[in-house]
Amino acid sequence: MAMAVLAVGVIGIIASEKVTVSSNLHAKNLAIASHIGQAWLGVLDAESSLWTSDANIINTTWIREGSGETSWFRPAYSDALRFGPAFDALGNAVRNEDQDPDAKFCVDLRFSEMNPSTGGTGMYRVEVRVIWLREQVVASSVAAPTHACGISAPLAAGAAQQPLFYFLFLSGAVRQVVP
């Protein structure tokens, strides 16, 4: 009888450890994704200081890239800034050529012009979407990509792909600096 009670207790402890390890991994990934999203908002805010007139938007990298977009897009990697859409398991930026298998997190951006009906205000609402693959993929008819940036930005939000990823959304605003 004592052995049966001990066995049940040990099984319960082992099961709770599995849940604890899984929860800790998810919390770590969520914290890293939050850091990545905040870093992107900070970089875009800093980049907006180069945007002093409509003609000067050409001096920016990602604001220029996103200004004509109306849906999610994956920003280009900048060799000069060593910053781009892909990040490793610790939140460090990953070059395009190192994405497979190093990219654990991927960033997509979406810009919306504020007050476009009044001719624009030199201000964009910026949405940052950080995605990462689930550790245990829920049954899906779509094959999982080998890394987080292995699927295009518009497809990542598709109903068939959603079970493959976790998503974190952040938003902010960037504005044109008026001299």
Protein backbone atom coordinates (compact mmCIF):
# COMPACT_ATOMS: atom_id res chain seq x y z
CA MET A 1 0.00 0.00 0.00
CA ALA A 2 2.83 2.39 0.91
CA MET A 3 4.55 1.69 -2.42
CA ALA A 4 1.35 2.53 -4.32
CA VAL A 5 1.00 5.86 -2.49
CA LEU A 6 4.68 6.63 -3.11
CA ALA A 7 4.34 5.76 -6.82
CA VAL A 8 1.34 8.07 -7.23
CA GLY A 9 3.22 10.88 -5.48
CA VAL A 10 6.32 10.45 -7.65
CA ILE A 11 4.23 10.44 -10.84
CA GLY A 12 2.54 13.67 -9.70
CA ILE A 13 5.90 15.33 -9.02
CA ILE A 14 7.28 14.30 -12.42
CA ALA A 15 4.17 15.60 -14.19
CA SER A 16 4.36 18.95 -12.37
CA GLU A 17 8.05 19.31 -13.27
CA LYS A 18 7.23 18.90 -16.96
CA VAL A 19 4.61 21.66 -16.74
CA THR A 20 7.02 23.90 -14.80
CA VAL A 21 9.82 23.49 -17.35
CA SER A 22 7.42 24.20 -20.24
CA SER A 23 6.00 27.28 -18.48
CA ASN A 24 9.48 28.62 -17.73
CA LEU A 25 10.53 28.20 -21.37
CA HIS A 26 7.42 30.03 -22.56
CA ALA A 27 7.97 32.86 -20.04
CA LYS A 28 11.60 33.20 -21.19
CA ASN A 29 10.54 33.34 -24.85
CA LEU A 30 7.84 35.90 -24.06
CA ALA A 31 10.37 38.11 -22.23
CA ILE A 32 12.84 37.89 -25.14
CA ALA A 33 10.07 38.66 -27.65
CA SER A 34 9.04 41.71 -25.59
CA HIS A 35 12.66 42.90 -25.56
CA ILE A 36 12.93 42.44 -29.34
CA GLY A 37 9.68 44.34 -29.96
CA GLN A 38 10.78 47.20 -27.69
CA ALA A 39 14.15 47.30 -29.46
CA TRP A 40 12.40 47.67 -32.82
CA LEU A 41 10.20 50.49 -31.52
CA GLY A 42 13.32 52.21 -30.17
CA VAL A 43 15.22 51.83 -33.44
CA LEU A 44 12.29 53.22 -35.44
CA ASP A 45 11.93 56.12 -33.02
CA ALA A 46 15.64 56.91 -33.35
CA GLU A 47 15.43 56.58 -37.12
CA SER A 48 12.59 59.12 -37.22
CA SER A 49 15.11 61.80 -36.22
CA LEU A 50 16.47 61.53 -39.78
CA TRP A 51 13.00 62.27 -41.18
CA THR A 52 12.96 66.07 -41.20
CA SER A 53 10.89 66.64 -44.36
CA ASP A 54 9.02 64.58 -46.91
CA ALA A 55 12.13 64.57 -49.08
CA ASN A 56 14.28 63.34 -46.19
CA ILE A 57 12.35 60.09 -45.71
CA ILE A 58 14.90 58.70 -48.17
CA ASN A 59 17.53 59.00 -45.40
CA THR A 60 15.69 56.42 -43.30
CA THR A 61 15.92 52.68 -43.76
CA TRP A 62 12.79 51.07 -42.36
CA ILE A 63 10.43 54.07 -42.27
CA ARG A 64 10.98 54.52 -46.00
CA GLU A 65 10.45 50.78 -46.53
CA GLY A 66 7.19 50.76 -44.58
CA SER A 67 5.74 54.10 -45.67
CA GLY A 68 4.09 52.67 -48.80
CA GLU A 69 3.03 49.37 -47.22
CA THR A 70 -0.52 48.77 -46.06
CA SER A 71 -0.08 45.24 -44.73
CA TRP A 72 2.51 43.33 -42.71
CA PHE A 73 5.99 43.28 -44.21
CA ARG A 74 9.31 41.86 -43.13
CA PRO A 75 11.93 44.62 -42.83
CA ALA A 76 15.25 44.22 -44.62
CA TYR A 77 18.44 43.41 -42.73
CA SER A 78 20.86 46.36 -42.46
CA ASP A 79 24.54 45.42 -42.65
CA ALA A 80 25.51 48.90 -41.48
CA LEU A 81 23.38 48.68 -38.33
CA ARG A 82 23.70 44.89 -37.93
CA PHE A 83 19.98 44.78 -37.22
CA GLY A 84 17.10 43.11 -39.00
CA PRO A 85 14.05 40.91 -38.67
CA ALA A 86 15.66 37.70 -37.36
CA PHE A 87 16.86 37.08 -33.80
CA ASP A 88 18.46 34.11 -32.06
CA ALA A 89 17.30 32.37 -28.87
CA LEU A 90 18.93 35.07 -26.71
CA GLY A 91 17.50 38.03 -28.64
CA ASN A 92 20.61 38.86 -30.68
CA ALA A 93 20.12 39.98 -34.28
CA VAL A 94 20.86 37.31 -36.91
CA ARG A 95 22.18 38.05 -40.39
CA ASN A 96 20.12 36.83 -43.38
CA GLU A 97 22.64 34.14 -44.28
CA ASP A 98 22.56 32.74 -40.71
CA GLN A 99 18.78 32.56 -40.35
CA ASP A 100 18.59 28.80 -40.80
CA PRO A 101 18.82 27.41 -38.12
CA ASP A 102 19.72 30.39 -35.86
CA ALA A 103 16.54 32.48 -36.20
CA LYS A 104 14.24 31.67 -33.29
CA PHE A 105 12.30 34.96 -33.42
CA CYS A 106 11.19 37.02 -36.41
CA VAL A 107 9.78 40.55 -36.67
CA ASP A 108 7.17 41.91 -39.05
CA LEU A 109 6.12 45.56 -39.21
CA ARG A 110 3.01 47.41 -40.30
CA PHE A 111 2.73 51.19 -40.71
CA SER A 112 -0.48 53.21 -40.80
CA GLU A 113 -0.43 56.89 -41.64
CA MET A 114 -2.11 59.01 -38.97
CA ASN A 115 -4.83 61.36 -40.31
CA PRO A 116 -4.36 60.54 -44.02
CA SER A 117 -7.59 62.39 -44.91
CA THR A 118 -5.98 65.72 -43.96
CA GLY A 119 -3.01 65.20 -46.25
CA GLY A 120 -0.94 63.41 -43.64
CA THR A 121 0.67 64.65 -40.47
CA GLY A 122 4.16 63.24 -40.82
CA MET A 123 3.24 60.59 -38.30
CA TYR A 124 2.88 56.81 -38.56
CA ARG A 125 1.39 54.30 -36.20
CA VAL A 126 3.87 51.43 -36.08
CA GLU A 127 2.88 47.89 -35.20
CA VAL A 128 5.58 45.36 -34.39
CA ARG A 129 4.73 41.66 -34.54
CA VAL A 130 7.27 39.25 -33.05
CA ILE A 131 6.70 35.60 -33.95
CA TRP A 132 8.39 32.43 -32.80
CA LEU A 133 7.71 28.76 -33.41
CA ARG A 134 5.79 26.76 -30.84
CA GLU A 135 7.82 24.13 -29.04
CA GLN A 136 5.09 21.55 -29.52
CA VAL A 137 3.24 22.30 -32.72
CA VAL A 138 -0.51 21.82 -32.57
CA ALA A 139 -1.85 19.56 -35.33
CA SER A 140 -1.78 21.51 -38.58
CA SER A 141 -2.08 20.69 -42.26
CA VAL A 142 0.81 23.06 -42.99
CA ALA A 143 4.44 21.95 -42.59
CA ALA A 144 6.35 23.91 -39.95
CA PRO A 145 9.17 26.12 -41.28
CA THR A 146 12.73 25.37 -40.18
CA HIS A 147 13.12 28.79 -38.54
CA ALA A 148 10.91 31.68 -37.43
CA CYS A 149 11.53 33.76 -40.59
CA GLY A 150 10.93 30.75 -42.83
CA ILE A 151 7.45 31.94 -43.77
CA SER A 152 6.53 35.22 -45.45
CA ALA A 153 5.07 38.05 -43.37
CA PRO A 154 1.54 38.00 -44.89
CA LEU A 155 1.29 34.21 -44.58
CA ALA A 156 2.33 34.17 -40.91
CA ALA A 157 -1.08 35.48 -39.90
CA GLY A 158 -3.00 33.01 -42.06
CA ALA A 159 -5.42 30.68 -40.31
CA ALA A 160 -3.47 27.59 -41.38
CA GLN A 161 -0.17 28.95 -40.00
CA GLN A 162 -1.42 30.35 -36.69
CA PRO A 163 -1.10 27.05 -34.80
CA LEU A 164 2.62 27.00 -35.72
CA PHE A 165 3.56 30.27 -33.99
CA TYR A 166 3.28 32.36 -30.88
CA PHE A 167 2.69 36.06 -31.56
CA LEU A 168 3.51 39.19 -29.57
CA PHE A 169 2.17 42.56 -30.75
CA LEU A 170 3.46 45.99 -29.74
CA SER A 171 2.57 49.38 -31.16
CA GLY A 172 3.92 52.87 -31.06
CA ALA A 173 4.23 55.97 -33.20
CA VAL A 174 7.01 57.66 -35.15
CA ARG A 175 6.79 61.20 -36.34
CA GLN A 176 8.56 63.51 -38.66
CA VAL A 177 10.87 65.97 -36.93
CA VAL A 178 9.85 69.50 -37.78
CA PRO A 179 12.90 71.78 -38.08
